[in-house]
N, C-alpha and C. Protein backbone atom coordinates (compact mmCIF):
# COMPACT_ATOMS: atom_id res chain seq x y z
N MET A 1 1.30 -16.85 -31.58
CA MET A 1 1.33 -15.51 -31.04
C MET A 1 1.60 -15.57 -29.54
N GLU A 2 2.51 -14.73 -29.07
CA GLU A 2 2.92 -14.72 -27.67
C GLU A 2 1.88 -14.00 -26.82
N LYS A 3 1.49 -14.62 -25.70
CA LYS A 3 0.52 -14.03 -24.79
C LYS A 3 1.22 -13.02 -23.89
N LYS A 4 0.69 -11.80 -23.83
CA LYS A 4 1.28 -10.74 -23.02
C LYS A 4 0.94 -10.96 -21.55
N GLU A 5 1.95 -10.87 -20.70
CA GLU A 5 1.74 -11.03 -19.26
C GLU A 5 1.03 -9.80 -18.71
N LYS A 6 0.10 -10.02 -17.79
CA LYS A 6 -0.63 -8.92 -17.17
C LYS A 6 0.31 -8.11 -16.27
N THR A 7 0.06 -6.82 -16.21
CA THR A 7 0.82 -5.94 -15.31
C THR A 7 0.37 -6.22 -13.88
N ARG A 8 1.34 -6.35 -12.99
CA ARG A 8 1.03 -6.63 -11.59
C ARG A 8 0.74 -5.33 -10.83
N ALA A 9 -0.27 -5.40 -9.97
CA ALA A 9 -0.61 -4.28 -9.09
C ALA A 9 -0.81 -4.82 -7.68
N LEU A 10 -0.29 -4.09 -6.71
CA LEU A 10 -0.42 -4.46 -5.31
C LEU A 10 -1.33 -3.45 -4.62
N ILE A 11 -2.27 -3.95 -3.85
CA ILE A 11 -3.14 -3.09 -3.04
C ILE A 11 -2.81 -3.35 -1.58
N LEU A 12 -2.46 -2.30 -0.85
CA LEU A 12 -2.26 -2.38 0.60
C LEU A 12 -3.42 -1.65 1.26
N GLU A 13 -4.32 -2.41 1.86
CA GLU A 13 -5.53 -1.82 2.44
C GLU A 13 -6.14 -2.80 3.44
N THR A 14 -6.45 -2.31 4.65
CA THR A 14 -7.04 -3.17 5.68
C THR A 14 -8.56 -3.28 5.55
N ASP A 15 -9.20 -2.31 4.94
CA ASP A 15 -10.66 -2.33 4.78
C ASP A 15 -11.01 -3.16 3.55
N ALA A 16 -11.66 -4.29 3.77
CA ALA A 16 -11.97 -5.21 2.67
C ALA A 16 -12.84 -4.56 1.59
N GLY A 17 -13.77 -3.70 1.99
CA GLY A 17 -14.65 -3.04 1.02
C GLY A 17 -13.88 -2.10 0.10
N VAL A 18 -12.98 -1.33 0.67
CA VAL A 18 -12.15 -0.41 -0.12
C VAL A 18 -11.23 -1.21 -1.04
N ALA A 19 -10.59 -2.24 -0.49
CA ALA A 19 -9.68 -3.07 -1.29
C ALA A 19 -10.42 -3.72 -2.46
N GLU A 20 -11.63 -4.20 -2.19
CA GLU A 20 -12.43 -4.85 -3.24
C GLU A 20 -12.80 -3.87 -4.34
N ALA A 21 -13.17 -2.64 -3.98
CA ALA A 21 -13.53 -1.63 -4.98
C ALA A 21 -12.33 -1.30 -5.87
N ILE A 22 -11.15 -1.18 -5.27
CA ILE A 22 -9.93 -0.90 -6.04
C ILE A 22 -9.60 -2.09 -6.93
N GLU A 23 -9.68 -3.28 -6.36
CA GLU A 23 -9.37 -4.50 -7.11
C GLU A 23 -10.27 -4.64 -8.34
N LYS A 24 -11.55 -4.35 -8.18
CA LYS A 24 -12.50 -4.46 -9.28
C LYS A 24 -12.10 -3.53 -10.44
N ILE A 25 -11.72 -2.31 -10.11
CA ILE A 25 -11.31 -1.34 -11.13
C ILE A 25 -10.05 -1.82 -11.85
N LEU A 26 -9.08 -2.30 -11.10
CA LEU A 26 -7.82 -2.76 -11.71
C LEU A 26 -8.02 -4.02 -12.55
N LYS A 27 -8.84 -4.93 -12.07
CA LYS A 27 -9.07 -6.17 -12.83
C LYS A 27 -9.80 -5.89 -14.14
N ARG A 28 -10.68 -4.89 -14.14
CA ARG A 28 -11.35 -4.50 -15.39
C ARG A 28 -10.35 -4.01 -16.43
N ARG A 29 -9.21 -3.53 -15.96
CA ARG A 29 -8.16 -3.05 -16.87
C ARG A 29 -7.10 -4.14 -17.08
N SER A 30 -7.42 -5.36 -16.69
CA SER A 30 -6.58 -6.55 -16.91
C SER A 30 -5.29 -6.57 -16.11
N TYR A 31 -5.33 -6.08 -14.89
CA TYR A 31 -4.16 -6.18 -14.01
C TYR A 31 -4.20 -7.50 -13.25
N ALA A 32 -3.04 -8.02 -12.93
CA ALA A 32 -2.90 -9.15 -12.01
C ALA A 32 -2.78 -8.52 -10.63
N VAL A 33 -3.82 -8.64 -9.82
CA VAL A 33 -3.91 -7.90 -8.56
C VAL A 33 -3.58 -8.79 -7.36
N THR A 34 -2.75 -8.23 -6.47
CA THR A 34 -2.44 -8.86 -5.19
C THR A 34 -2.93 -7.91 -4.11
N VAL A 35 -3.70 -8.44 -3.16
CA VAL A 35 -4.19 -7.62 -2.05
C VAL A 35 -3.45 -8.02 -0.78
N ALA A 36 -2.86 -7.03 -0.12
CA ALA A 36 -2.18 -7.25 1.15
C ALA A 36 -2.94 -6.48 2.23
N THR A 37 -3.18 -7.13 3.36
CA THR A 37 -3.95 -6.48 4.42
C THR A 37 -3.08 -5.90 5.52
N GLY A 38 -1.77 -5.90 5.31
CA GLY A 38 -0.86 -5.30 6.28
C GLY A 38 0.46 -4.94 5.63
N LYS A 39 1.17 -4.05 6.29
CA LYS A 39 2.45 -3.54 5.76
C LYS A 39 3.45 -4.66 5.51
N ASP A 40 3.63 -5.54 6.48
CA ASP A 40 4.63 -6.60 6.32
C ASP A 40 4.32 -7.52 5.14
N GLU A 41 3.05 -7.88 5.01
CA GLU A 41 2.64 -8.72 3.87
C GLU A 41 2.94 -8.00 2.55
N ALA A 42 2.61 -6.72 2.48
CA ALA A 42 2.84 -5.95 1.25
C ALA A 42 4.32 -5.87 0.92
N LEU A 43 5.14 -5.59 1.92
CA LEU A 43 6.58 -5.46 1.67
C LEU A 43 7.18 -6.80 1.25
N ASN A 44 6.72 -7.89 1.86
CA ASN A 44 7.20 -9.22 1.45
C ASN A 44 6.83 -9.51 0.00
N ARG A 45 5.61 -9.17 -0.39
CA ARG A 45 5.18 -9.39 -1.78
C ARG A 45 6.04 -8.57 -2.75
N LEU A 46 6.35 -7.33 -2.36
CA LEU A 46 7.18 -6.48 -3.22
C LEU A 46 8.61 -7.01 -3.33
N MET A 47 9.11 -7.62 -2.27
CA MET A 47 10.46 -8.19 -2.32
C MET A 47 10.49 -9.46 -3.16
N GLU A 48 9.40 -10.21 -3.16
CA GLU A 48 9.33 -11.46 -3.92
C GLU A 48 9.15 -11.22 -5.41
N THR A 49 8.28 -10.29 -5.76
CA THR A 49 7.90 -10.07 -7.15
C THR A 49 7.74 -8.58 -7.42
N PHE A 50 8.27 -8.12 -8.54
CA PHE A 50 8.11 -6.71 -8.91
C PHE A 50 6.66 -6.41 -9.27
N HIS A 51 6.11 -5.39 -8.66
CA HIS A 51 4.78 -4.88 -8.97
C HIS A 51 4.98 -3.44 -9.47
N PRO A 52 4.73 -3.17 -10.73
CA PRO A 52 4.92 -1.81 -11.26
C PRO A 52 4.01 -0.77 -10.61
N LEU A 53 2.85 -1.22 -10.07
CA LEU A 53 1.89 -0.28 -9.49
C LEU A 53 1.50 -0.76 -8.09
N ALA A 54 1.45 0.19 -7.14
CA ALA A 54 0.95 -0.10 -5.80
C ALA A 54 -0.08 0.96 -5.43
N VAL A 55 -1.18 0.51 -4.87
CA VAL A 55 -2.21 1.40 -4.37
C VAL A 55 -2.19 1.24 -2.85
N VAL A 56 -1.79 2.31 -2.16
CA VAL A 56 -1.58 2.24 -0.71
C VAL A 56 -2.68 3.03 0.00
N GLY A 57 -3.46 2.30 0.80
CA GLY A 57 -4.50 2.91 1.62
C GLY A 57 -4.15 2.77 3.08
N ASP A 58 -5.10 2.32 3.88
CA ASP A 58 -4.87 2.14 5.31
C ASP A 58 -3.96 0.93 5.52
N PRO A 59 -2.73 1.16 6.01
CA PRO A 59 -1.79 0.06 6.16
C PRO A 59 -1.96 -0.75 7.44
N GLY A 60 -2.84 -0.28 8.35
CA GLY A 60 -2.97 -0.97 9.63
C GLY A 60 -1.65 -0.89 10.38
N ASP A 61 -1.36 -1.89 11.16
CA ASP A 61 -0.06 -2.01 11.83
C ASP A 61 0.37 -0.75 12.59
N ASP A 62 -0.56 0.11 12.93
CA ASP A 62 -0.26 1.33 13.69
C ASP A 62 0.80 2.22 13.06
N ILE A 63 0.82 2.28 11.73
CA ILE A 63 1.71 3.23 11.05
C ILE A 63 0.86 4.10 10.13
N SER A 64 1.39 5.27 9.81
CA SER A 64 0.65 6.18 8.95
C SER A 64 0.76 5.75 7.49
N ILE A 65 -0.13 6.26 6.69
CA ILE A 65 -0.08 5.99 5.25
C ILE A 65 1.24 6.50 4.66
N PHE A 66 1.78 7.58 5.23
CA PHE A 66 3.02 8.15 4.71
C PHE A 66 4.23 7.28 5.06
N GLU A 67 4.20 6.67 6.24
CA GLU A 67 5.26 5.73 6.60
C GLU A 67 5.17 4.49 5.72
N ALA A 68 3.96 4.03 5.45
CA ALA A 68 3.78 2.88 4.55
C ALA A 68 4.29 3.23 3.15
N MET A 69 3.96 4.45 2.69
CA MET A 69 4.42 4.91 1.38
C MET A 69 5.95 4.89 1.33
N ARG A 70 6.59 5.42 2.37
CA ARG A 70 8.05 5.47 2.42
C ARG A 70 8.64 4.06 2.36
N LYS A 71 8.06 3.14 3.10
CA LYS A 71 8.56 1.76 3.12
C LYS A 71 8.38 1.08 1.77
N VAL A 72 7.26 1.33 1.11
CA VAL A 72 7.03 0.75 -0.23
C VAL A 72 8.08 1.29 -1.20
N VAL A 73 8.31 2.59 -1.16
CA VAL A 73 9.28 3.21 -2.08
C VAL A 73 10.69 2.71 -1.82
N THR A 74 11.08 2.56 -0.56
CA THR A 74 12.44 2.08 -0.28
C THR A 74 12.59 0.59 -0.58
N THR A 75 11.51 -0.16 -0.47
CA THR A 75 11.56 -1.59 -0.78
C THR A 75 11.56 -1.83 -2.29
N SER A 76 10.78 -1.04 -3.01
CA SER A 76 10.63 -1.23 -4.46
C SER A 76 10.62 0.14 -5.15
N PRO A 77 11.79 0.75 -5.35
CA PRO A 77 11.88 2.11 -5.86
C PRO A 77 11.25 2.34 -7.24
N MET A 78 11.10 1.30 -8.03
CA MET A 78 10.54 1.47 -9.38
C MET A 78 9.03 1.29 -9.41
N THR A 79 8.42 1.05 -8.27
CA THR A 79 6.97 0.88 -8.20
C THR A 79 6.30 2.25 -8.15
N SER A 80 5.30 2.46 -9.01
CA SER A 80 4.52 3.70 -9.00
C SER A 80 3.44 3.58 -7.93
N LEU A 81 3.15 4.70 -7.27
CA LEU A 81 2.21 4.69 -6.14
C LEU A 81 0.99 5.57 -6.36
N ILE A 82 -0.14 5.06 -5.91
CA ILE A 82 -1.36 5.85 -5.77
C ILE A 82 -1.77 5.72 -4.31
N LEU A 83 -2.02 6.85 -3.65
CA LEU A 83 -2.44 6.82 -2.24
C LEU A 83 -3.96 6.91 -2.16
N VAL A 84 -4.52 6.23 -1.16
CA VAL A 84 -5.96 6.26 -0.90
C VAL A 84 -6.14 6.82 0.50
N SER A 85 -6.63 8.07 0.58
CA SER A 85 -6.70 8.76 1.87
C SER A 85 -7.75 9.86 1.82
N ASP A 86 -8.38 10.11 2.96
CA ASP A 86 -9.32 11.22 3.06
C ASP A 86 -8.66 12.49 3.58
N LEU A 87 -7.34 12.48 3.69
CA LEU A 87 -6.62 13.67 4.12
C LEU A 87 -6.74 14.76 3.05
N PRO A 88 -6.63 16.02 3.45
CA PRO A 88 -6.70 17.11 2.47
C PRO A 88 -5.60 16.99 1.40
N GLU A 89 -5.93 17.39 0.20
CA GLU A 89 -5.01 17.32 -0.94
C GLU A 89 -3.67 17.97 -0.63
N GLU A 90 -3.70 19.14 0.01
CA GLU A 90 -2.46 19.86 0.31
C GLU A 90 -1.56 19.08 1.27
N GLU A 91 -2.16 18.45 2.28
CA GLU A 91 -1.38 17.66 3.23
C GLU A 91 -0.75 16.45 2.54
N VAL A 92 -1.52 15.78 1.69
CA VAL A 92 -0.98 14.63 0.95
C VAL A 92 0.17 15.08 0.07
N ARG A 93 -0.02 16.19 -0.63
CA ARG A 93 1.02 16.70 -1.53
C ARG A 93 2.29 17.05 -0.75
N ASP A 94 2.13 17.74 0.39
CA ASP A 94 3.29 18.14 1.20
C ASP A 94 4.05 16.93 1.76
N LYS A 95 3.31 15.98 2.31
CA LYS A 95 3.96 14.84 2.97
C LYS A 95 4.47 13.78 1.99
N SER A 96 3.99 13.81 0.76
CA SER A 96 4.45 12.81 -0.21
C SER A 96 5.44 13.40 -1.22
N GLU A 97 5.78 14.67 -1.04
CA GLU A 97 6.72 15.31 -1.96
C GLU A 97 8.05 14.57 -1.97
N GLY A 98 8.55 14.33 -3.15
CA GLY A 98 9.83 13.65 -3.30
C GLY A 98 9.70 12.14 -3.45
N TYR A 99 8.48 11.62 -3.29
CA TYR A 99 8.29 10.18 -3.42
C TYR A 99 7.74 9.78 -4.79
N GLY A 100 7.43 10.75 -5.62
CA GLY A 100 7.01 10.46 -6.98
C GLY A 100 5.69 9.73 -7.10
N ILE A 101 4.73 10.02 -6.22
CA ILE A 101 3.45 9.34 -6.33
C ILE A 101 2.68 9.88 -7.53
N LEU A 102 1.79 9.05 -8.06
CA LEU A 102 0.96 9.47 -9.18
C LEU A 102 -0.15 10.42 -8.73
N GLY A 103 -0.59 10.26 -7.49
CA GLY A 103 -1.65 11.09 -6.96
C GLY A 103 -2.38 10.35 -5.86
N HIS A 104 -3.53 10.90 -5.45
CA HIS A 104 -4.29 10.23 -4.40
C HIS A 104 -5.78 10.36 -4.68
N VAL A 105 -6.53 9.38 -4.17
CA VAL A 105 -7.99 9.37 -4.27
C VAL A 105 -8.55 9.22 -2.87
N ASN A 106 -9.81 9.63 -2.70
CA ASN A 106 -10.47 9.50 -1.40
C ASN A 106 -10.78 8.04 -1.12
N ARG A 107 -11.03 7.73 0.14
CA ARG A 107 -11.27 6.34 0.55
C ARG A 107 -12.56 5.78 -0.04
N GLU A 108 -13.48 6.64 -0.42
CA GLU A 108 -14.69 6.11 -1.06
C GLU A 108 -14.38 5.62 -2.47
N VAL A 109 -13.18 5.84 -2.92
CA VAL A 109 -12.65 5.38 -4.20
C VAL A 109 -13.60 5.67 -5.36
N PRO A 110 -13.73 6.95 -5.69
CA PRO A 110 -14.51 7.25 -6.89
C PRO A 110 -13.79 6.68 -8.10
N SER A 111 -14.45 5.80 -8.82
CA SER A 111 -13.77 5.05 -9.88
C SER A 111 -13.20 5.95 -10.96
N LYS A 112 -13.85 7.07 -11.27
CA LYS A 112 -13.32 7.94 -12.33
C LYS A 112 -11.99 8.57 -11.91
N ASP A 113 -11.84 8.91 -10.61
CA ASP A 113 -10.58 9.48 -10.14
C ASP A 113 -9.47 8.45 -10.14
N LEU A 114 -9.77 7.26 -9.64
CA LEU A 114 -8.77 6.19 -9.64
C LEU A 114 -8.44 5.80 -11.07
N LEU A 115 -9.44 5.69 -11.90
CA LEU A 115 -9.23 5.32 -13.30
C LEU A 115 -8.33 6.34 -14.01
N ALA A 116 -8.50 7.62 -13.72
CA ALA A 116 -7.66 8.65 -14.33
C ALA A 116 -6.19 8.46 -13.94
N LEU A 117 -5.94 8.13 -12.67
CA LEU A 117 -4.56 7.90 -12.23
C LEU A 117 -3.99 6.62 -12.83
N VAL A 118 -4.81 5.59 -12.95
CA VAL A 118 -4.36 4.34 -13.57
C VAL A 118 -4.00 4.59 -15.03
N LYS A 119 -4.81 5.38 -15.71
CA LYS A 119 -4.50 5.70 -17.12
C LYS A 119 -3.21 6.50 -17.23
N THR A 120 -2.95 7.39 -16.27
CA THR A 120 -1.68 8.13 -16.26
C THR A 120 -0.53 7.15 -16.10
N PHE A 121 -0.67 6.21 -15.17
CA PHE A 121 0.36 5.18 -14.97
C PHE A 121 0.58 4.41 -16.27
N GLU A 122 -0.49 4.00 -16.92
CA GLU A 122 -0.37 3.21 -18.15
C GLU A 122 0.33 3.99 -19.26
N SER A 123 0.07 5.29 -19.32
CA SER A 123 0.72 6.09 -20.37
C SER A 123 2.22 6.20 -20.14
N VAL A 124 2.64 6.14 -18.89
CA VAL A 124 4.06 6.19 -18.56
C VAL A 124 4.69 4.80 -18.64
N PHE A 125 3.99 3.81 -18.12
CA PHE A 125 4.54 2.46 -18.02
C PHE A 125 4.56 1.72 -19.35
N ALA A 126 3.57 1.93 -20.21
CA ALA A 126 3.47 1.18 -21.47
C ALA A 126 4.73 1.30 -22.32
N PRO A 127 5.29 2.51 -22.52
CA PRO A 127 6.52 2.59 -23.32
C PRO A 127 7.69 1.83 -22.68
N VAL A 128 7.80 1.86 -21.36
CA VAL A 128 8.86 1.14 -20.66
C VAL A 128 8.63 -0.36 -20.79
N ASP A 129 7.38 -0.78 -20.63
CA ASP A 129 7.01 -2.19 -20.72
C ASP A 129 7.35 -2.75 -22.10
N SER A 130 7.15 -1.96 -23.14
CA SER A 130 7.42 -2.45 -24.50
C SER A 130 8.91 -2.64 -24.74
N LEU A 131 9.75 -1.93 -24.01
CA LEU A 131 11.20 -2.09 -24.15
C LEU A 131 11.69 -3.39 -23.54
N THR A 132 10.96 -3.89 -22.54
CA THR A 132 11.38 -5.12 -21.87
C THR A 132 10.74 -6.36 -22.48
N ALA A 133 9.84 -6.19 -23.41
CA ALA A 133 9.14 -7.34 -24.01
C ALA A 133 10.03 -8.07 -25.00
């Protein structure tokens, strides 16, 4: 029987506590998780290996989360995004319009909210993943 490869997920987050909380949730769902602590590291990882899912929080490097989002999308257009931000929902929606993000969760990373977005990703990605198997 062929062993199924884990889905790759990239976390871009400078706060180790937030990154760890996100990583724990993704690993429980059997993701192969890569944590990047800066924009350049994240973009290099995306150029090296396709990650179907990226969770973008505080990118550091003196750029906004929206600039980091734009760079992730232009580097890896087929990667689905979840944003981690305490900005108001309306501001996130307005500034991320056209980038096809799955949604956003607060920085305290309530697991049920993140889990709901991950499940949405899985419902979309699973049929595509089965075509490439």
